[in-house]
Amino acid sequence: MGYGLQFNKDNNGEDIIANTVYCYEHELGFTKCTENKQHTLSGSSLLALHNNDLTDTKALTDAKKLMRRVFNQLLNGKPLKSRELFT
């Protein structure tokens, strides 16, 4: 069993739209949101990740933000032990 993110659908099962802004909510998925929120991701970045297109700098930046947020939520704010290896 594993946990995966579905980068091409929002929490309502609708297709991600490239020119729309999304927020990630743990256990809900991606929801449409306003750009005023702190943790926003562009739809184009989500679609690039879905297509394994790692050439877009914005998509990589958004992926980094997203993964940090996901890990933080899953670890309840505890630091990753692996980071100790690289400091």
Foldseek 3Di string as FASTA:
>chain_A
DDDDADLQAALVRHGQDQAFKWAQDPPRHTDTDDPPDDLIAGNVLSVCVNVVNPPDPSSVVNVVSVVVVVVCVVVVNDDDPVVVVVD
